[in-house]
Amino acid sequence: MANGIMDASRSRTKATTQQQLANIDATWAEVDETTGNPNFINTILEELISTKKVPQKVDDYSDLDVEYGEDAIASRPPEYTPSPRLKGDSGKLSFEDSATKLQRETGDGEFKDSVQRLADKYDITTREVYEIIDGESNWTANVTNSLGYKGLFQIGETPASESGIDYDNLANMKPSQQVAAYDKYLSRWGYDGSVPLAVRQAAPGKAKALQGKPDNTVVLAVNSDEWNANPGWRKGKNGPITLGSLKNYYR
């Protein structure tokens, strides 16, 4: 009895498959008749095959921005050019637009000019300064974090005192005044623009020794106080804080 049921099932399946194939053939024939081309479908398939250009190796994507990861690289066409990463205002505005917005909202018409003067003094770009503001405070001039770091550049009480900065009123200063305070902070550490500003910001006492070192150089070890307080600086979730990971954070 079981064999008879299985044979009947196979017969029905075979009949269904044959009917489906017949329907497909009829559809193709109808398309061929409509287009006047008896080989319309085959022609389309041949054109698709002949025009499809698929890179043969991942090396074809070697010029892509590494922040997208290996999996993403393999899926992007070789002509793809990643857009600049824009972190300001939660990624909605460029750094320049975020600076303009801060200047307008605080009524501080000197802010952008003060950043330009700071950049000129240390032979760096205004973007480097904006990267620090973006990474530290997300363009919020009056912010004080849970550890007591204040303002656009998140300066703590001890470094403020060492640099001659009015810590108590720092978060209440205009943005341009905070830029001037940051200038005092950089001067206190003898900053001369020879190392990335991101390194000076994160590890001011080590910046000189790190000059010219490769990006995989460990700046702050796992479980150090700075490592515990700044997960965004780390290489990966639990890796050490390196020159490269600092540069990636402040960009």
C-alpha atoms as a PDB file:
ATOM      1  CA  MET A   1       0.000   0.000   0.000  1.00  0.00           C
ATOM      2  CA  ALA A   2       2.804   2.433   0.921  1.00  0.00           C
ATOM      3  CA  ASN A   3       4.551   1.869  -2.407  1.00  0.00           C
ATOM      4  CA  GLY A   4       1.327   2.586  -4.269  1.00  0.00           C
ATOM      5  CA  ILE A   5       0.877   5.893  -2.436  1.00  0.00           C
ATOM      6  CA  MET A   6       4.480   6.916  -3.182  1.00  0.00           C
ATOM      7  CA  ASP A   7       4.082   6.032  -6.879  1.00  0.00           C
ATOM      8  CA  ALA A   8       0.904   8.064  -7.106  1.00  0.00           C
ATOM      9  CA  SER A   9       2.624  11.014  -5.392  1.00  0.00           C
ATOM     10  CA  ARG A  10       5.555  10.846  -7.810  1.00  0.00           C
ATOM     11  CA  SER A  11       3.167  10.786 -10.760  1.00  0.00           C
ATOM     12  CA  ARG A  12       1.367  13.874  -9.513  1.00  0.00           C
ATOM     13  CA  THR A  13       4.654  15.683  -8.889  1.00  0.00           C
ATOM     14  CA  LYS A  14       5.946  14.786 -12.338  1.00  0.00           C
ATOM     15  CA  ALA A  15       2.722  15.955 -13.971  1.00  0.00           C
ATOM     16  CA  THR A  16       2.851  19.236 -12.054  1.00  0.00           C
ATOM     17  CA  THR A  17       6.465  19.832 -13.046  1.00  0.00           C
ATOM     18  CA  GLN A  18       5.727  19.103 -16.699  1.00  0.00           C
ATOM     19  CA  GLN A  19       2.798  21.533 -16.619  1.00  0.00           C
ATOM     20  CA  GLN A  20       4.999  24.239 -15.049  1.00  0.00           C
ATOM     21  CA  LEU A  21       7.623  23.768 -17.735  1.00  0.00           C
ATOM     22  CA  ALA A  22       4.955  23.935 -20.413  1.00  0.00           C
ATOM     23  CA  ASN A  23       3.671  27.207 -18.925  1.00  0.00           C
ATOM     24  CA  ILE A  24       7.185  28.665 -18.982  1.00  0.00           C
ATOM     25  CA  ASP A  25       7.674  27.633 -22.615  1.00  0.00           C
ATOM     26  CA  ALA A  26       4.335  29.214 -23.521  1.00  0.00           C
ATOM     27  CA  THR A  27       5.279  32.442 -21.763  1.00  0.00           C
ATOM     28  CA  TRP A  28       8.623  32.639 -23.569  1.00  0.00           C
ATOM     29  CA  ALA A  29       6.924  31.953 -26.878  1.00  0.00           C
ATOM     30  CA  GLU A  30       4.443  34.744 -26.181  1.00  0.00           C
ATOM     31  CA  VAL A  31       7.304  37.162 -25.380  1.00  0.00           C
ATOM     32  CA  ASP A  32       9.133  36.153 -28.564  1.00  0.00           C
ATOM     33  CA  GLU A  33       5.981  36.673 -30.633  1.00  0.00           C
ATOM     34  CA  THR A  34       5.303  40.071 -29.038  1.00  0.00           C
ATOM     35  CA  THR A  35       8.820  41.352 -29.653  1.00  0.00           C
ATOM     36  CA  GLY A  36       9.144  39.847 -33.114  1.00  0.00           C
ATOM     37  CA  ASN A  37      12.403  38.241 -32.027  1.00  0.00           C
ATOM     38  CA  PRO A  38      12.287  34.437 -31.797  1.00  0.00           C
ATOM     39  CA  ASN A  39      15.389  34.503 -29.591  1.00  0.00           C
ATOM     40  CA  PHE A  40      14.468  37.500 -27.457  1.00  0.00           C
ATOM     41  CA  ILE A  41      15.124  35.890 -24.067  1.00  0.00           C
ATOM     42  CA  ASN A  42      18.399  34.343 -25.164  1.00  0.00           C
ATOM     43  CA  THR A  43      19.521  37.674 -26.608  1.00  0.00           C
ATOM     44  CA  ILE A  44      18.848  39.473 -23.331  1.00  0.00           C
ATOM     45  CA  LEU A  45      20.713  36.842 -21.346  1.00  0.00           C
ATOM     46  CA  GLU A  46      23.724  37.012 -23.651  1.00  0.00           C
ATOM     47  CA  GLU A  47      23.830  40.805 -23.385  1.00  0.00           C
ATOM     48  CA  LEU A  48      23.697  40.648 -19.597  1.00  0.00           C
ATOM     49  CA  ILE A  49      26.531  38.149 -19.488  1.00  0.00           C
ATOM     50  CA  SER A  50      28.684  40.097 -21.942  1.00  0.00           C
ATOM     51  CA  THR A  51      28.247  43.458 -20.195  1.00  0.00           C
ATOM     52  CA  LYS A  52      28.547  42.287 -16.602  1.00  0.00           C
ATOM     53  CA  LYS A  53      31.884  43.330 -15.137  1.00  0.00           C
ATOM     54  CA  VAL A  54      32.763  41.686 -11.863  1.00  0.00           C
ATOM     55  CA  PRO A  55      36.099  42.307 -10.167  1.00  0.00           C
ATOM     56  CA  GLN A  56      38.055  39.099  -9.801  1.00  0.00           C
ATOM     57  CA  LYS A  57      39.786  39.807  -6.513  1.00  0.00           C
ATOM     58  CA  VAL A  58      39.460  41.931  -3.406  1.00  0.00           C
ATOM     59  CA  ASP A  59      42.607  43.821  -4.444  1.00  0.00           C
ATOM     60  CA  ASP A  60      40.400  45.710  -6.905  1.00  0.00           C
ATOM     61  CA  TYR A  61      38.987  47.556  -3.870  1.00  0.00           C
ATOM     62  CA  SER A  62      42.297  48.416  -2.243  1.00  0.00           C
ATOM     63  CA  ASP A  63      41.639  52.154  -2.511  1.00  0.00           C
ATOM     64  CA  LEU A  64      38.494  52.016  -0.377  1.00  0.00           C
ATOM     65  CA  ASP A  65      38.237  53.486   3.106  1.00  0.00           C
ATOM     66  CA  VAL A  66      39.051  50.715   5.587  1.00  0.00           C
ATOM     67  CA  GLU A  67      36.384  51.858   8.056  1.00  0.00           C
ATOM     68  CA  TYR A  68      33.770  49.946   6.049  1.00  0.00           C
ATOM     69  CA  GLY A  69      35.376  46.575   6.872  1.00  0.00           C
ATOM     70  CA  GLU A  70      36.447  43.626   4.745  1.00  0.00           C
ATOM     71  CA  ASP A  71      32.928  42.286   4.178  1.00  0.00           C
ATOM     72  CA  ALA A  72      31.717  45.632   2.874  1.00  0.00           C
ATOM     73  CA  ILE A  73      34.769  46.025   0.658  1.00  0.00           C
ATOM     74  CA  ALA A  74      33.984  42.804  -1.165  1.00  0.00           C
ATOM     75  CA  SER A  75      30.479  44.008  -1.964  1.00  0.00           C
ATOM     76  CA  ARG A  76      31.234  47.491  -3.303  1.00  0.00           C
ATOM     77  CA  PRO A  77      31.949  48.281  -6.952  1.00  0.00           C
ATOM     78  CA  PRO A  78      35.516  49.351  -7.767  1.00  0.00           C
ATOM     79  CA  GLU A  79      34.442  52.836  -8.793  1.00  0.00           C
ATOM     80  CA  TYR A  80      32.956  53.455  -5.330  1.00  0.00           C
ATOM     81  CA  THR A  81      34.466  56.401  -3.454  1.00  0.00           C
ATOM     82  CA  PRO A  82      33.406  56.715   0.198  1.00  0.00           C
ATOM     83  CA  SER A  83      32.091  60.070   1.355  1.00  0.00           C
ATOM     84  CA  PRO A  84      34.021  61.935   4.056  1.00  0.00           C
ATOM     85  CA  ARG A  85      33.021  60.822   7.509  1.00  0.00           C
ATOM     86  CA  LEU A  86      30.941  63.579   9.099  1.00  0.00           C
ATOM     87  CA  LYS A  87      30.501  63.171  12.839  1.00  0.00           C
ATOM     88  CA  GLY A  88      29.378  66.647  13.783  1.00  0.00           C
ATOM     89  CA  ASP A  89      25.838  67.036  15.128  1.00  0.00           C
ATOM     90  CA  SER A  90      25.381  63.260  15.269  1.00  0.00           C
ATOM     91  CA  GLY A  91      26.613  62.880  11.703  1.00  0.00           C
ATOM     92  CA  LYS A  92      24.056  65.209  10.106  1.00  0.00           C
ATOM     93  CA  LEU A  93      26.374  68.179   9.551  1.00  0.00           C
ATOM     94  CA  SER A  94      29.937  68.615   8.381  1.00  0.00           C
ATOM     95  CA  PHE A  95      32.441  70.015  10.840  1.00  0.00           C
ATOM     96  CA  GLU A  96      32.347  73.379   9.078  1.00  0.00           C
ATOM     97  CA  ASP A  97      28.551  73.514   9.241  1.00  0.00           C
ATOM     98  CA  SER A  98      28.606  72.459  12.892  1.00  0.00           C
ATOM     99  CA  ALA A  99      31.047  75.282  13.647  1.00  0.00           C
ATOM    100  CA  THR A 100      28.795  77.770  11.870  1.00  0.00           C
ATOM    101  CA  LYS A 101      25.791  76.469  13.800  1.00  0.00           C
ATOM    102  CA  LEU A 102      27.593  76.789  17.146  1.00  0.00           C
ATOM    103  CA  GLN A 103      28.729  80.310  16.302  1.00  0.00           C
ATOM    104  CA  ARG A 104      25.196  81.332  15.362  1.00  0.00           C
ATOM    105  CA  GLU A 105      23.441  79.697  18.321  1.00  0.00           C
ATOM    106  CA  THR A 106      25.851  81.134  20.913  1.00  0.00           C
ATOM    107  CA  GLY A 107      26.028  84.564  19.283  1.00  0.00           C
ATOM    108  CA  ASP A 108      29.812  84.300  19.316  1.00  0.00           C
ATOM    109  CA  GLY A 109      30.898  85.784  16.004  1.00  0.00           C
ATOM    110  CA  GLU A 110      34.588  85.291  16.882  1.00  0.00           C
ATOM    111  CA  PHE A 111      34.472  81.511  17.259  1.00  0.00           C
ATOM    112  CA  LYS A 112      35.519  80.367  13.779  1.00  0.00           C
ATOM    113  CA  ASP A 113      38.150  83.092  13.507  1.00  0.00           C
ATOM    114  CA  SER A 114      39.571  82.025  16.866  1.00  0.00           C
ATOM    115  CA  VAL A 115      39.852  78.436  15.632  1.00  0.00           C
ATOM    116  CA  GLN A 116      41.655  79.650  12.518  1.00  0.00           C
ATOM    117  CA  ARG A 117      44.131  81.615  14.628  1.00  0.00           C
ATOM    118  CA  LEU A 118      44.765  78.588  16.825  1.00  0.00           C
ATOM    119  CA  ALA A 119      45.351  76.386  13.790  1.00  0.00           C
ATOM    120  CA  ASP A 120      47.728  78.918  12.253  1.00  0.00           C
ATOM    121  CA  LYS A 121      49.718  79.199  15.479  1.00  0.00           C
ATOM    122  CA  TYR A 122      50.388  75.450  15.666  1.00  0.00           C
ATOM    123  CA  ASP A 123      50.578  74.842  11.927  1.00  0.00           C
ATOM    124  CA  ILE A 124      47.606  72.487  11.912  1.00  0.00           C
ATOM    125  CA  THR A 125      44.258  72.572  10.130  1.00  0.00           C
ATOM    126  CA  THR A 126      41.012  73.929  11.514  1.00  0.00           C
ATOM    127  CA  ARG A 127      39.571  70.476  10.868  1.00  0.00           C
ATOM    128  CA  GLU A 128      41.941  68.991  13.456  1.00  0.00           C
ATOM    129  CA  VAL A 129      40.591  71.430  16.028  1.00  0.00           C
ATOM    130  CA  TYR A 130      37.013  70.668  15.039  1.00  0.00           C
ATOM    131  CA  GLU A 131      37.727  66.946  15.309  1.00  0.00           C
ATOM    132  CA  ILE A 132      38.672  67.410  18.960  1.00  0.00           C
ATOM    133  CA  ILE A 133      35.550  69.468  19.671  1.00  0.00           C
ATOM    134  CA  ASP A 134      33.370  66.926  17.923  1.00  0.00           C
ATOM    135  CA  GLY A 135      34.904  63.931  19.672  1.00  0.00           C
ATOM    136  CA  GLU A 136      35.040  65.500  23.129  1.00  0.00           C
ATOM    137  CA  SER A 137      31.825  67.486  23.496  1.00  0.00           C
ATOM    138  CA  ASN A 138      29.778  67.078  20.306  1.00  0.00           C
ATOM    139  CA  TRP A 139      29.746  70.877  19.922  1.00  0.00           C
ATOM    140  CA  THR A 140      28.189  71.573  23.339  1.00  0.00           C
ATOM    141  CA  ALA A 141      30.032  74.502  24.897  1.00  0.00           C
ATOM    142  CA  ASN A 142      28.515  74.383  28.389  1.00  0.00           C
ATOM    143  CA  VAL A 143      28.820  70.640  29.017  1.00  0.00           C
ATOM    144  CA  THR A 144      30.425  69.106  32.127  1.00  0.00           C
ATOM    145  CA  ASN A 145      30.805  65.335  32.133  1.00  0.00           C
ATOM    146  CA  SER A 146      30.479  62.968  35.096  1.00  0.00           C
ATOM    147  CA  LEU A 147      34.220  63.186  35.818  1.00  0.00           C
ATOM    148  CA  GLY A 148      34.222  66.975  35.914  1.00  0.00           C
ATOM    149  CA  TYR A 149      35.727  67.673  32.483  1.00  0.00           C
ATOM    150  CA  LYS A 150      34.309  70.859  31.029  1.00  0.00           C
ATOM    151  CA  GLY A 151      33.564  72.683  27.817  1.00  0.00           C
ATOM    152  CA  LEU A 152      34.185  72.099  24.135  1.00  0.00           C
ATOM    153  CA  PHE A 153      37.601  70.524  24.737  1.00  0.00           C
ATOM    154  CA  GLN A 154      36.716  68.716  27.989  1.00  0.00           C
ATOM    155  CA  ILE A 155      39.496  70.102  30.176  1.00  0.00           C
ATOM    156  CA  GLY A 156      39.775  68.747  33.727  1.00  0.00           C
ATOM    157  CA  GLU A 157      40.405  70.676  36.923  1.00  0.00           C
ATOM    158  CA  THR A 158      44.071  69.706  37.370  1.00  0.00           C
ATOM    159  CA  PRO A 159      45.212  70.447  33.787  1.00  0.00           C
ATOM    160  CA  ALA A 160      43.172  73.662  33.887  1.00  0.00           C
ATOM    161  CA  SER A 161      44.984  74.755  37.046  1.00  0.00           C
ATOM    162  CA  GLU A 162      48.361  73.823  35.576  1.00  0.00           C
ATOM    163  CA  SER A 163      47.580  75.798  32.419  1.00  0.00           C
ATOM    164  CA  GLY A 164      46.277  78.940  34.121  1.00  0.00           C
ATOM    165  CA  ILE A 165      42.693  78.343  32.985  1.00  0.00           C
ATOM    166  CA  ASP A 166      39.699  79.494  35.024  1.00  0.00           C
ATOM    167  CA  TYR A 167      38.233  76.045  35.593  1.00  0.00           C
ATOM    168  CA  ASP A 168      35.209  77.182  37.609  1.00  0.00           C
ATOM    169  CA  ASN A 169      33.924  79.367  34.773  1.00  0.00           C
ATOM    170  CA  LEU A 170      35.186  77.302  31.850  1.00  0.00           C
ATOM    171  CA  ALA A 171      31.829  75.827  30.839  1.00  0.00           C
ATOM    172  CA  ASN A 172      30.253  79.294  30.949  1.00  0.00           C
ATOM    173  CA  MET A 173      32.790  80.867  28.609  1.00  0.00           C
ATOM    174  CA  LYS A 174      31.956  81.754  25.033  1.00  0.00           C
ATOM    175  CA  PRO A 175      33.276  79.244  22.462  1.00  0.00           C
ATOM    176  CA  SER A 176      36.014  81.654  21.327  1.00  0.00           C
ATOM    177  CA  GLN A 177      37.112  82.084  24.953  1.00  0.00           C
ATOM    178  CA  GLN A 178      37.281  78.327  25.323  1.00  0.00           C
ATOM    179  CA  VAL A 179      39.495  78.183  22.239  1.00  0.00           C
ATOM    180  CA  ALA A 180      41.805  80.676  23.943  1.00  0.00           C
ATOM    181  CA  ALA A 181      41.782  78.482  27.057  1.00  0.00           C
ATOM    182  CA  TYR A 182      42.676  75.468  24.935  1.00  0.00           C
ATOM    183  CA  ASP A 183      45.591  77.438  23.527  1.00  0.00           C
ATOM    184  CA  LYS A 184      46.873  77.812  27.105  1.00  0.00           C
ATOM    185  CA  TYR A 185      46.464  74.070  27.597  1.00  0.00           C
ATOM    186  CA  LEU A 186      48.456  73.280  24.445  1.00  0.00           C
ATOM    187  CA  SER A 187      51.162  75.782  25.372  1.00  0.00           C
ATOM    188  CA  ARG A 188      51.485  74.279  28.854  1.00  0.00           C
ATOM    189  CA  TRP A 189      52.368  70.938  27.208  1.00  0.00           C
ATOM    190  CA  GLY A 190      54.722  72.524  24.706  1.00  0.00           C
ATOM    191  CA  TYR A 191      52.638  71.515  21.712  1.00  0.00           C
ATOM    192  CA  ASP A 192      54.237  72.449  18.392  1.00  0.00           C
ATOM    193  CA  GLY A 193      52.053  70.651  15.834  1.00  0.00           C
ATOM    194  CA  SER A 194      54.610  67.894  15.203  1.00  0.00           C
ATOM    195  CA  VAL A 195      52.233  65.157  16.408  1.00  0.00           C
ATOM    196  CA  PRO A 196      48.523  64.777  15.681  1.00  0.00           C
ATOM    197  CA  LEU A 197      46.366  66.932  17.906  1.00  0.00           C
ATOM    198  CA  ALA A 198      44.391  63.798  18.813  1.00  0.00           C
ATOM    199  CA  VAL A 199      47.482  62.315  20.464  1.00  0.00           C
ATOM    200  CA  ARG A 200      48.184  65.503  22.389  1.00  0.00           C
ATOM    201  CA  GLN A 201      44.566  65.527  23.548  1.00  0.00           C
ATOM    202  CA  ALA A 202      44.541  61.941  24.788  1.00  0.00           C
ATOM    203  CA  ALA A 203      48.067  61.534  26.124  1.00  0.00           C
ATOM    204  CA  PRO A 204      49.731  64.942  26.472  1.00  0.00           C
ATOM    205  CA  GLY A 205      52.653  63.639  28.508  1.00  0.00           C
ATOM    206  CA  LYS A 206      53.508  60.973  25.939  1.00  0.00           C
ATOM    207  CA  ALA A 207      53.019  62.935  22.733  1.00  0.00           C
ATOM    208  CA  LYS A 208      56.657  63.807  22.133  1.00  0.00           C
ATOM    209  CA  ALA A 209      57.819  60.227  22.617  1.00  0.00           C
ATOM    210  CA  LEU A 210      55.167  59.037  20.163  1.00  0.00           C
ATOM    211  CA  GLN A 211      56.316  61.298  17.337  1.00  0.00           C
ATOM    212  CA  GLY A 212      56.914  59.267  14.176  1.00  0.00           C
ATOM    213  CA  LYS A 213      55.727  55.987  15.709  1.00  0.00           C
ATOM    214  CA  PRO A 214      53.502  53.591  13.676  1.00  0.00           C
ATOM    215  CA  ASP A 215      49.750  53.525  14.210  1.00  0.00           C
ATOM    216  CA  ASN A 216      49.852  50.170  16.036  1.00  0.00           C
ATOM    217  CA  THR A 217      51.934  51.698  18.856  1.00  0.00           C
ATOM    218  CA  VAL A 218      50.162  51.255  22.200  1.00  0.00           C
ATOM    219  CA  VAL A 219      49.522  54.615  23.858  1.00  0.00           C
ATOM    220  CA  LEU A 220      47.411  53.515  26.827  1.00  0.00           C
ATOM    221  CA  ALA A 221      47.269  49.956  28.109  1.00  0.00           C
ATOM    222  CA  VAL A 222      44.192  47.851  28.735  1.00  0.00           C
ATOM    223  CA  ASN A 223      42.646  48.533  32.165  1.00  0.00           C
ATOM    224  CA  SER A 224      44.524  51.802  32.642  1.00  0.00           C
ATOM    225  CA  ASP A 225      42.434  54.640  34.068  1.00  0.00           C
ATOM    226  CA  GLU A 226      42.258  56.315  30.660  1.00  0.00           C
ATOM    227  CA  TRP A 227      41.315  53.030  28.982  1.00  0.00           C
ATOM    228  CA  ASN A 228      38.449  52.473  31.419  1.00  0.00           C
ATOM    229  CA  ALA A 229      37.193  56.047  31.072  1.00  0.00           C
ATOM    230  CA  ASN A 230      37.344  56.234  27.256  1.00  0.00           C
ATOM    231  CA  PRO A 231      36.004  53.127  25.489  1.00  0.00           C
ATOM    232  CA  GLY A 232      35.753  55.079  22.243  1.00  0.00           C
ATOM    233  CA  TRP A 233      39.534  55.420  22.121  1.00  0.00           C
ATOM    234  CA  ARG A 234      40.157  51.674  22.124  1.00  0.00           C
ATOM    235  CA  LYS A 235      41.185  49.481  19.236  1.00  0.00           C
ATOM    236  CA  GLY A 236      38.074  47.348  18.966  1.00  0.00           C
ATOM    237  CA  LYS A 237      35.920  46.678  21.990  1.00  0.00           C
ATOM    238  CA  ASN A 238      38.598  45.472  24.380  1.00  0.00           C
ATOM    239  CA  GLY A 239      41.903  46.235  22.663  1.00  0.00           C
ATOM    240  CA  PRO A 240      44.511  48.747  23.839  1.00  0.00           C
ATOM    241  CA  ILE A 241      44.416  52.405  22.921  1.00  0.00           C
ATOM    242  CA  THR A 242      46.817  52.887  20.027  1.00  0.00           C
ATOM    243  CA  LEU A 243      47.932  55.792  17.886  1.00  0.00           C
ATOM    244  CA  GLY A 244      45.700  54.504  15.116  1.00  0.00           C
ATOM    245  CA  SER A 245      42.624  54.093  17.297  1.00  0.00           C
ATOM    246  CA  LEU A 246      43.029  57.651  18.606  1.00  0.00           C
ATOM    247  CA  LYS A 247      43.297  59.029  15.085  1.00  0.00           C
ATOM    248  CA  ASN A 248      40.198  57.072  14.087  1.00  0.00           C
ATOM    249  CA  TYR A 249      38.209  58.437  17.019  1.00  0.00           C
ATOM    250  CA  TYR A 250      39.097  62.067  16.363  1.00  0.00           C
ATOM    251  CA  ARG A 251      38.279  62.225  12.672  1.00  0.00           C
END
